Full PDB file with SEQRES, HELIX, SHEET, SSBOND, CRYST1, ORIGX, SCALE, CONECT and MASTER records, all heavy atoms in Angstrom:
SEQRES   1 A   32  SER LEU LEU ALA ILE LEU GLY SER LYS TYR GLN ASP SER          
SEQRES   2 A   32  ASN SER ARG PHE LYS ILE PHE ASN GLY ARG PHE THR ASP          
SEQRES   3 A   32  SER ASP ALA PHE ASP GLU                                      
HELIX    1 AA1 LEU A    2  SER A    8  1                                   7    
HELIX    2 AA2 ASP A   28  PHE A   30  5                                   3    
CRYST1    1.000    1.000    1.000  90.00  90.00  90.00 P 1           1          
ORIGX1      1.000000  0.000000  0.000000        0.00000                         
ORIGX2      0.000000  1.000000  0.000000        0.00000                         
ORIGX3      0.000000  0.000000  1.000000        0.00000                         
SCALE1      1.000000  0.000000  0.000000        0.00000                         
SCALE2      0.000000  1.000000  0.000000        0.00000                         
SCALE3      0.000000  0.000000  1.000000        0.00000                         
ATOM      1  N   SER A   1      -0.746   3.971   5.979  1.00  0.00           N  
ATOM      2  CA  SER A   1      -0.676   2.605   6.339  1.00  0.00           C  
ATOM      3  C   SER A   1      -1.930   2.236   7.199  1.00  0.00           C  
ATOM      4  O   SER A   1      -2.517   1.178   6.953  1.00  0.00           O  
ATOM      5  CB  SER A   1       0.581   2.330   7.161  1.00  0.00           C  
ATOM      6  OG  SER A   1       1.762   2.640   6.460  1.00  0.00           O  
ATOM      7  N   LEU A   2      -2.319   3.089   8.045  1.00  0.00           N  
ATOM      8  CA  LEU A   2      -3.468   2.871   8.962  1.00  0.00           C  
ATOM      9  C   LEU A   2      -4.762   2.742   8.078  1.00  0.00           C  
ATOM     10  O   LEU A   2      -5.615   1.899   8.315  1.00  0.00           O  
ATOM     11  CB  LEU A   2      -3.605   3.956   9.986  1.00  0.00           C  
ATOM     12  CG  LEU A   2      -4.864   3.930  10.855  1.00  0.00           C  
ATOM     13  CD1 LEU A   2      -4.904   2.643  11.641  1.00  0.00           C  
ATOM     14  CD2 LEU A   2      -4.893   5.108  11.795  1.00  0.00           C  
ATOM     15  N   LEU A   3      -4.936   3.691   7.104  1.00  0.00           N  
ATOM     16  CA  LEU A   3      -6.116   3.683   6.301  1.00  0.00           C  
ATOM     17  C   LEU A   3      -6.184   2.395   5.494  1.00  0.00           C  
ATOM     18  O   LEU A   3      -7.275   1.834   5.240  1.00  0.00           O  
ATOM     19  CB  LEU A   3      -6.165   4.897   5.428  1.00  0.00           C  
ATOM     20  CG  LEU A   3      -6.427   6.216   6.147  1.00  0.00           C  
ATOM     21  CD1 LEU A   3      -6.338   7.382   5.136  1.00  0.00           C  
ATOM     22  CD2 LEU A   3      -7.772   6.193   6.853  1.00  0.00           C  
ATOM     23  N   ALA A   4      -5.074   1.935   4.936  1.00  0.00           N  
ATOM     24  CA  ALA A   4      -5.069   0.673   4.188  1.00  0.00           C  
ATOM     25  C   ALA A   4      -5.529  -0.495   5.116  1.00  0.00           C  
ATOM     26  O   ALA A   4      -6.325  -1.363   4.692  1.00  0.00           O  
ATOM     27  CB  ALA A   4      -3.687   0.422   3.635  1.00  0.00           C  
ATOM     28  N   ILE A   5      -5.049  -0.528   6.311  1.00  0.00           N  
ATOM     29  CA  ILE A   5      -5.353  -1.547   7.266  1.00  0.00           C  
ATOM     30  C   ILE A   5      -6.843  -1.550   7.585  1.00  0.00           C  
ATOM     31  O   ILE A   5      -7.488  -2.589   7.604  1.00  0.00           O  
ATOM     32  CB  ILE A   5      -4.436  -1.472   8.479  1.00  0.00           C  
ATOM     33  CG1 ILE A   5      -3.001  -1.746   8.160  1.00  0.00           C  
ATOM     34  CG2 ILE A   5      -4.942  -2.411   9.569  1.00  0.00           C  
ATOM     35  CD1 ILE A   5      -1.982  -1.347   9.201  1.00  0.00           C  
ATOM     36  N   LEU A   6      -7.337  -0.363   7.929  1.00  0.00           N  
ATOM     37  CA  LEU A   6      -8.762  -0.191   8.274  1.00  0.00           C  
ATOM     38  C   LEU A   6      -9.661  -0.464   7.063  1.00  0.00           C  
ATOM     39  O   LEU A   6     -10.647  -1.124   7.190  1.00  0.00           O  
ATOM     40  CB  LEU A   6      -9.019   1.125   8.843  1.00  0.00           C  
ATOM     41  CG  LEU A   6      -8.351   1.567  10.169  1.00  0.00           C  
ATOM     42  CD1 LEU A   6      -8.696   2.937  10.562  1.00  0.00           C  
ATOM     43  CD2 LEU A   6      -8.734   0.571  11.332  1.00  0.00           C  
ATOM     44  N   GLY A   7      -9.245   0.041   5.918  1.00  0.00           N  
ATOM     45  CA  GLY A   7     -10.072  -0.181   4.722  1.00  0.00           C  
ATOM     46  C   GLY A   7     -10.184  -1.565   4.308  1.00  0.00           C  
ATOM     47  O   GLY A   7     -11.186  -2.005   3.764  1.00  0.00           O  
ATOM     48  N   SER A   8      -9.105  -2.371   4.458  1.00  0.00           N  
ATOM     49  CA  SER A   8      -9.074  -3.756   3.942  1.00  0.00           C  
ATOM     50  C   SER A   8     -10.158  -4.555   4.667  1.00  0.00           C  
ATOM     51  O   SER A   8     -10.678  -5.511   4.154  1.00  0.00           O  
ATOM     52  CB  SER A   8      -7.720  -4.380   4.189  1.00  0.00           C  
ATOM     53  OG  SER A   8      -7.394  -4.429   5.572  1.00  0.00           O  
ATOM     54  N   LYS A   9     -10.553  -4.101   5.819  1.00  0.00           N  
ATOM     55  CA  LYS A   9     -11.578  -4.792   6.634  1.00  0.00           C  
ATOM     56  C   LYS A   9     -12.938  -4.734   5.970  1.00  0.00           C  
ATOM     57  O   LYS A   9     -13.828  -5.559   6.147  1.00  0.00           O  
ATOM     58  CB  LYS A   9     -11.641  -4.200   8.082  1.00  0.00           C  
ATOM     59  CG  LYS A   9     -12.628  -4.898   9.033  1.00  0.00           C  
ATOM     60  CD  LYS A   9     -12.477  -4.442  10.463  1.00  0.00           C  
ATOM     61  CE  LYS A   9     -12.881  -3.001  10.618  1.00  0.00           C  
ATOM     62  NZ  LYS A   9     -12.919  -2.586  12.033  1.00  0.00           N  
ATOM     63  N   TYR A  10     -13.148  -3.670   5.182  1.00  0.00           N  
ATOM     64  CA  TYR A  10     -14.452  -3.430   4.592  1.00  0.00           C  
ATOM     65  C   TYR A  10     -14.410  -3.669   3.018  1.00  0.00           C  
ATOM     66  O   TYR A  10     -15.317  -3.258   2.329  1.00  0.00           O  
ATOM     67  CB  TYR A  10     -14.890  -1.986   4.839  1.00  0.00           C  
ATOM     68  CG  TYR A  10     -15.111  -1.750   6.298  1.00  0.00           C  
ATOM     69  CD1 TYR A  10     -14.306  -0.964   7.058  1.00  0.00           C  
ATOM     70  CD2 TYR A  10     -16.275  -2.333   6.940  1.00  0.00           C  
ATOM     71  CE1 TYR A  10     -14.451  -0.721   8.372  1.00  0.00           C  
ATOM     72  CE2 TYR A  10     -16.468  -2.086   8.317  1.00  0.00           C  
ATOM     73  CZ  TYR A  10     -15.564  -1.298   9.038  1.00  0.00           C  
ATOM     74  OH  TYR A  10     -15.761  -1.087  10.354  1.00  0.00           O  
ATOM     75  N   GLN A  11     -13.384  -4.386   2.600  1.00  0.00           N  
ATOM     76  CA  GLN A  11     -13.295  -4.689   1.175  1.00  0.00           C  
ATOM     77  C   GLN A  11     -14.340  -5.792   0.844  1.00  0.00           C  
ATOM     78  O   GLN A  11     -14.248  -6.907   1.352  1.00  0.00           O  
ATOM     79  CB  GLN A  11     -11.888  -5.183   0.850  1.00  0.00           C  
ATOM     80  CG  GLN A  11     -11.719  -5.610  -0.574  1.00  0.00           C  
ATOM     81  CD  GLN A  11     -11.808  -4.463  -1.574  1.00  0.00           C  
ATOM     82  OE1 GLN A  11     -12.923  -4.068  -1.946  1.00  0.00           O  
ATOM     83  NE2 GLN A  11     -10.657  -3.902  -1.957  1.00  0.00           N  
ATOM     84  N   ASP A  12     -15.303  -5.483  -0.049  1.00  0.00           N  
ATOM     85  CA  ASP A  12     -16.312  -6.463  -0.419  1.00  0.00           C  
ATOM     86  C   ASP A  12     -15.802  -7.486  -1.452  1.00  0.00           C  
ATOM     87  O   ASP A  12     -16.329  -8.572  -1.539  1.00  0.00           O  
ATOM     88  CB  ASP A  12     -17.489  -5.699  -1.060  1.00  0.00           C  
ATOM     89  CG  ASP A  12     -18.273  -4.945  -0.035  1.00  0.00           C  
ATOM     90  OD1 ASP A  12     -18.248  -5.270   1.128  1.00  0.00           O  
ATOM     91  OD2 ASP A  12     -18.913  -3.929  -0.428  1.00  0.00           O  
ATOM     92  N   SER A  13     -14.745  -7.108  -2.155  1.00  0.00           N  
ATOM     93  CA  SER A  13     -14.223  -7.952  -3.201  1.00  0.00           C  
ATOM     94  C   SER A  13     -13.626  -9.257  -2.581  1.00  0.00           C  
ATOM     95  O   SER A  13     -13.080  -9.249  -1.449  1.00  0.00           O  
ATOM     96  CB  SER A  13     -13.161  -7.215  -4.022  1.00  0.00           C  
ATOM     97  OG  SER A  13     -12.530  -8.115  -4.840  1.00  0.00           O  
ATOM     98  N   ASN A  14     -13.628 -10.308  -3.328  1.00  0.00           N  
ATOM     99  CA  ASN A  14     -12.972 -11.569  -2.865  1.00  0.00           C  
ATOM    100  C   ASN A  14     -11.491 -11.504  -3.065  1.00  0.00           C  
ATOM    101  O   ASN A  14     -10.764 -12.305  -2.501  1.00  0.00           O  
ATOM    102  CB  ASN A  14     -13.514 -12.735  -3.671  1.00  0.00           C  
ATOM    103  CG  ASN A  14     -14.983 -13.008  -3.372  1.00  0.00           C  
ATOM    104  OD1 ASN A  14     -15.399 -12.799  -2.235  1.00  0.00           O  
ATOM    105  ND2 ASN A  14     -15.782 -13.408  -4.329  1.00  0.00           N  
ATOM    106  N   SER A  15     -11.022 -10.535  -3.832  1.00  0.00           N  
ATOM    107  CA  SER A  15      -9.556 -10.394  -4.062  1.00  0.00           C  
ATOM    108  C   SER A  15      -8.890  -9.747  -2.841  1.00  0.00           C  
ATOM    109  O   SER A  15      -9.525  -9.089  -2.027  1.00  0.00           O  
ATOM    110  CB  SER A  15      -9.298  -9.582  -5.328  1.00  0.00           C  
ATOM    111  OG  SER A  15      -9.768  -8.266  -5.200  1.00  0.00           O  
ATOM    112  N   ARG A  16      -7.538  -9.825  -2.782  1.00  0.00           N  
ATOM    113  CA  ARG A  16      -6.821  -9.221  -1.743  1.00  0.00           C  
ATOM    114  C   ARG A  16      -6.734  -7.701  -1.882  1.00  0.00           C  
ATOM    115  O   ARG A  16      -6.800  -7.204  -2.994  1.00  0.00           O  
ATOM    116  CB  ARG A  16      -5.375  -9.780  -1.704  1.00  0.00           C  
ATOM    117  CG  ARG A  16      -5.302 -11.188  -1.110  1.00  0.00           C  
ATOM    118  CD  ARG A  16      -4.121 -12.015  -1.566  1.00  0.00           C  
ATOM    119  NE  ARG A  16      -2.882 -11.295  -1.690  1.00  0.00           N  
ATOM    120  CZ  ARG A  16      -1.740 -11.560  -0.894  1.00  0.00           C  
ATOM    121  NH1 ARG A  16      -1.835 -12.466   0.037  1.00  0.00           N  
ATOM    122  NH2 ARG A  16      -0.620 -10.911  -1.181  1.00  0.00           N  
ATOM    123  N   PHE A  17      -6.721  -7.030  -0.829  1.00  0.00           N  
ATOM    124  CA  PHE A  17      -6.659  -5.543  -0.831  1.00  0.00           C  
ATOM    125  C   PHE A  17      -5.381  -5.054  -1.500  1.00  0.00           C  
ATOM    126  O   PHE A  17      -4.289  -5.569  -1.195  1.00  0.00           O  
ATOM    127  CB  PHE A  17      -6.760  -4.974   0.620  1.00  0.00           C  
ATOM    128  CG  PHE A  17      -7.050  -3.571   0.673  1.00  0.00           C  
ATOM    129  CD1 PHE A  17      -8.329  -3.105   0.486  1.00  0.00           C  
ATOM    130  CD2 PHE A  17      -6.073  -2.601   1.005  1.00  0.00           C  
ATOM    131  CE1 PHE A  17      -8.724  -1.760   0.552  1.00  0.00           C  
ATOM    132  CE2 PHE A  17      -6.402  -1.230   1.116  1.00  0.00           C  
ATOM    133  CZ  PHE A  17      -7.711  -0.825   0.896  1.00  0.00           C  
ATOM    134  N   LYS A  18      -5.515  -4.103  -2.372  1.00  0.00           N  
ATOM    135  CA  LYS A  18      -4.373  -3.618  -3.199  1.00  0.00           C  
ATOM    136  C   LYS A  18      -3.877  -2.269  -2.644  1.00  0.00           C  
ATOM    137  O   LYS A  18      -4.637  -1.382  -2.364  1.00  0.00           O  
ATOM    138  CB  LYS A  18      -4.798  -3.407  -4.658  1.00  0.00           C  
ATOM    139  CG  LYS A  18      -5.132  -4.683  -5.407  1.00  0.00           C  
ATOM    140  CD  LYS A  18      -5.589  -4.449  -6.831  1.00  0.00           C  
ATOM    141  CE  LYS A  18      -5.893  -5.720  -7.562  1.00  0.00           C  
ATOM    142  NZ  LYS A  18      -7.034  -6.472  -7.016  1.00  0.00           N  
ATOM    143  N   ILE A  19      -2.532  -2.178  -2.424  1.00  0.00           N  
ATOM    144  CA  ILE A  19      -1.968  -0.938  -2.013  1.00  0.00           C  
ATOM    145  C   ILE A  19      -0.847  -0.547  -2.975  1.00  0.00           C  
ATOM    146  O   ILE A  19      -0.254  -1.354  -3.681  1.00  0.00           O  
ATOM    147  CB  ILE A  19      -1.386  -1.087  -0.575  1.00  0.00           C  
ATOM    148  CG1 ILE A  19      -0.317  -2.128  -0.469  1.00  0.00           C  
ATOM    149  CG2 ILE A  19      -2.529  -1.325   0.382  1.00  0.00           C  
ATOM    150  CD1 ILE A  19       0.362  -2.207   0.915  1.00  0.00           C  
ATOM    151  N   PHE A  20      -0.600   0.801  -3.023  1.00  0.00           N  
ATOM    152  CA  PHE A  20       0.369   1.328  -4.072  1.00  0.00           C  
ATOM    153  C   PHE A  20       1.385   2.234  -3.411  1.00  0.00           C  
ATOM    154  O   PHE A  20       1.035   3.089  -2.616  1.00  0.00           O  
ATOM    155  CB  PHE A  20      -0.467   2.059  -5.082  1.00  0.00           C  
ATOM    156  CG  PHE A  20      -1.507   1.166  -5.740  1.00  0.00           C  
ATOM    157  CD1 PHE A  20      -2.794   1.073  -5.205  1.00  0.00           C  
ATOM    158  CD2 PHE A  20      -1.212   0.449  -6.863  1.00  0.00           C  
ATOM    159  CE1 PHE A  20      -3.754   0.257  -5.780  1.00  0.00           C  
ATOM    160  CE2 PHE A  20      -2.151  -0.387  -7.453  1.00  0.00           C  
ATOM    161  CZ  PHE A  20      -3.410  -0.478  -6.922  1.00  0.00           C  
ATOM    162  N   ASN A  21       2.610   2.102  -3.826  1.00  0.00           N  
ATOM    163  CA  ASN A  21       3.746   2.841  -3.226  1.00  0.00           C  
ATOM    164  C   ASN A  21       4.672   3.264  -4.410  1.00  0.00           C  
ATOM    165  O   ASN A  21       4.671   2.668  -5.452  1.00  0.00           O  
ATOM    166  CB  ASN A  21       4.520   1.909  -2.242  1.00  0.00           C  
ATOM    167  CG  ASN A  21       5.775   2.610  -1.723  1.00  0.00           C  
ATOM    168  OD1 ASN A  21       6.878   2.374  -2.243  1.00  0.00           O  
ATOM    169  ND2 ASN A  21       5.636   3.342  -0.692  1.00  0.00           N  
ATOM    170  N   GLY A  22       5.394   4.331  -4.166  1.00  0.00           N  
ATOM    171  CA  GLY A  22       6.376   4.793  -5.122  1.00  0.00           C  
ATOM    172  C   GLY A  22       7.771   4.830  -4.570  1.00  0.00           C  
ATOM    173  O   GLY A  22       7.986   5.191  -3.387  1.00  0.00           O  
ATOM    174  N   ARG A  23       8.778   4.486  -5.323  1.00  0.00           N  
ATOM    175  CA  ARG A  23      10.155   4.518  -4.895  1.00  0.00           C  
ATOM    176  C   ARG A  23      11.021   5.058  -6.005  1.00  0.00           C  
ATOM    177  O   ARG A  23      10.773   4.855  -7.213  1.00  0.00           O  
ATOM    178  CB  ARG A  23      10.631   3.113  -4.527  1.00  0.00           C  
ATOM    179  CG  ARG A  23      10.586   2.136  -5.613  1.00  0.00           C  
ATOM    180  CD  ARG A  23      11.076   0.767  -5.189  1.00  0.00           C  
ATOM    181  NE  ARG A  23      12.467   0.680  -5.007  1.00  0.00           N  
ATOM    182  CZ  ARG A  23      13.378   0.340  -5.936  1.00  0.00           C  
ATOM    183  NH1 ARG A  23      12.941   0.144  -7.189  1.00  0.00           N  
ATOM    184  NH2 ARG A  23      14.675   0.366  -5.710  1.00  0.00           N  
ATOM    185  N   PHE A  24      12.063   5.794  -5.617  1.00  0.00           N  
ATOM    186  CA  PHE A  24      13.061   6.247  -6.606  1.00  0.00           C  
ATOM    187  C   PHE A  24      14.189   5.275  -6.662  1.00  0.00           C  
ATOM    188  O   PHE A  24      14.675   4.783  -5.613  1.00  0.00           O  
ATOM    189  CB  PHE A  24      13.576   7.672  -6.248  1.00  0.00           C  
ATOM    190  CG  PHE A  24      12.544   8.732  -6.436  1.00  0.00           C  
ATOM    191  CD1 PHE A  24      11.733   9.175  -5.471  1.00  0.00           C  
ATOM    192  CD2 PHE A  24      12.338   9.274  -7.764  1.00  0.00           C  
ATOM    193  CE1 PHE A  24      10.782  10.178  -5.650  1.00  0.00           C  
ATOM    194  CE2 PHE A  24      11.402  10.241  -7.985  1.00  0.00           C  
ATOM    195  CZ  PHE A  24      10.617  10.713  -6.940  1.00  0.00           C  
ATOM    196  N   THR A  25      14.677   5.014  -7.856  1.00  0.00           N  
ATOM    197  CA  THR A  25      15.669   3.913  -8.002  1.00  0.00           C  
ATOM    198  C   THR A  25      17.110   4.415  -7.760  1.00  0.00           C  
ATOM    199  O   THR A  25      18.059   3.640  -7.804  1.00  0.00           O  
ATOM    200  CB  THR A  25      15.572   3.342  -9.395  1.00  0.00           C  
ATOM    201  OG1 THR A  25      15.771   4.410 -10.361  1.00  0.00           O  
ATOM    202  CG2 THR A  25      14.229   2.696  -9.656  1.00  0.00           C  
ATOM    203  N   ASP A  26      17.304   5.745  -7.520  1.00  0.00           N  
ATOM    204  CA  ASP A  26      18.619   6.329  -7.491  1.00  0.00           C  
ATOM    205  C   ASP A  26      19.358   6.133  -6.165  1.00  0.00           C  
ATOM    206  O   ASP A  26      20.590   6.074  -6.155  1.00  0.00           O  
ATOM    207  CB  ASP A  26      18.520   7.808  -7.829  1.00  0.00           C  
ATOM    208  CG  ASP A  26      17.858   8.117  -9.098  1.00  0.00           C  
ATOM    209  OD1 ASP A  26      16.609   8.082  -9.138  1.00  0.00           O  
ATOM    210  OD2 ASP A  26      18.532   8.274 -10.092  1.00  0.00           O  
ATOM    211  N   SER A  27      18.568   6.092  -5.060  1.00  0.00           N  
ATOM    212  CA  SER A  27      19.264   6.058  -3.787  1.00  0.00           C  
ATOM    213  C   SER A  27      18.257   5.504  -2.763  1.00  0.00           C  
ATOM    214  O   SER A  27      17.075   5.766  -2.809  1.00  0.00           O  
ATOM    215  CB  SER A  27      19.665   7.494  -3.350  1.00  0.00           C  
ATOM    216  OG  SER A  27      19.995   7.572  -2.006  1.00  0.00           O  
ATOM    217  N   ASP A  28      18.846   4.810  -1.758  1.00  0.00           N  
ATOM    218  CA  ASP A  28      18.014   4.232  -0.661  1.00  0.00           C  
ATOM    219  C   ASP A  28      17.335   5.355   0.171  1.00  0.00           C  
ATOM    220  O   ASP A  28      16.308   5.154   0.775  1.00  0.00           O  
ATOM    221  CB  ASP A  28      18.847   3.328   0.278  1.00  0.00           C  
ATOM    222  CG  ASP A  28      19.254   2.081  -0.393  1.00  0.00           C  
ATOM    223  OD1 ASP A  28      18.626   1.704  -1.414  1.00  0.00           O  
ATOM    224  OD2 ASP A  28      20.192   1.425   0.107  1.00  0.00           O  
ATOM    225  N   ALA A  29      18.002   6.563   0.126  1.00  0.00           N  
ATOM    226  CA  ALA A  29      17.408   7.674   0.893  1.00  0.00           C  
ATOM    227  C   ALA A  29      16.080   8.126   0.313  1.00  0.00           C  
ATOM    228  O   ALA A  29      15.338   8.815   1.017  1.00  0.00           O  
ATOM    229  CB  ALA A  29      18.383   8.855   0.901  1.00  0.00           C  
ATOM    230  N   PHE A  30      15.787   7.736  -0.916  1.00  0.00           N  
ATOM    231  CA  PHE A  30      14.507   8.083  -1.533  1.00  0.00           C  
ATOM    232  C   PHE A  30      13.627   6.843  -1.840  1.00  0.00           C  
ATOM    233  O   PHE A  30      12.838   6.843  -2.755  1.00  0.00           O  
ATOM    234  CB  PHE A  30      14.837   8.870  -2.842  1.00  0.00           C  
ATOM    235  CG  PHE A  30      15.588  10.096  -2.559  1.00  0.00           C  
ATOM    236  CD1 PHE A  30      16.959  10.164  -2.640  1.00  0.00           C  
ATOM    237  CD2 PHE A  30      14.902  11.293  -2.350  1.00  0.00           C  
ATOM    238  CE1 PHE A  30      17.650  11.318  -2.431  1.00  0.00           C  
ATOM    239  CE2 PHE A  30      15.584  12.473  -2.171  1.00  0.00           C  
ATOM    240  CZ  PHE A  30      16.902  12.503  -2.165  1.00  0.00           C  
ATOM    241  N   ASP A  31      13.830   5.833  -0.978  1.00  0.00           N  
ATOM    242  CA  ASP A  31      13.068   4.576  -1.191  1.00  0.00           C  
ATOM    243  C   ASP A  31      12.522   4.148   0.188  1.00  0.00           C  
ATOM    244  O   ASP A  31      13.266   3.678   1.021  1.00  0.00           O  
ATOM    245  CB  ASP A  31      13.955   3.521  -1.750  1.00  0.00           C  
ATOM    246  CG  ASP A  31      13.247   2.159  -1.926  1.00  0.00           C  
ATOM    247  OD1 ASP A  31      12.074   2.118  -1.651  1.00  0.00           O  
ATOM    248  OD2 ASP A  31      13.887   1.195  -2.347  1.00  0.00           O  
ATOM    249  N   GLU A  32      11.202   4.244   0.366  1.00  0.00           N  
ATOM    250  CA  GLU A  32      10.543   3.860   1.628  1.00  0.00           C  
ATOM    251  C   GLU A  32       9.625   2.645   1.352  1.00  0.00           C  
ATOM    252  O   GLU A  32       8.753   2.409   2.200  1.00  0.00           O  
ATOM    253  CB  GLU A  32       9.846   5.044   2.260  1.00  0.00           C  
ATOM    254  CG  GLU A  32      10.713   6.193   2.589  1.00  0.00           C  
ATOM    255  CD  GLU A  32      10.021   7.206   3.477  1.00  0.00           C  
ATOM    256  OE1 GLU A  32       8.818   7.366   3.358  1.00  0.00           O  
ATOM    257  OE2 GLU A  32      10.714   7.865   4.327  1.00  0.00           O  
TER     258      GLU A  32                                                      
MASTER        0    0    0    2    0    0    0    6  257    1    0    3          
END                                                                             
């Protein structure tokens, strides 16, 4: 999370900073 926040400050692109996460659909215990 910290690296995404710090990295977005140095994004040269005009587009919004993109972040990627994975979640399992089986249980909330495996979804962050």
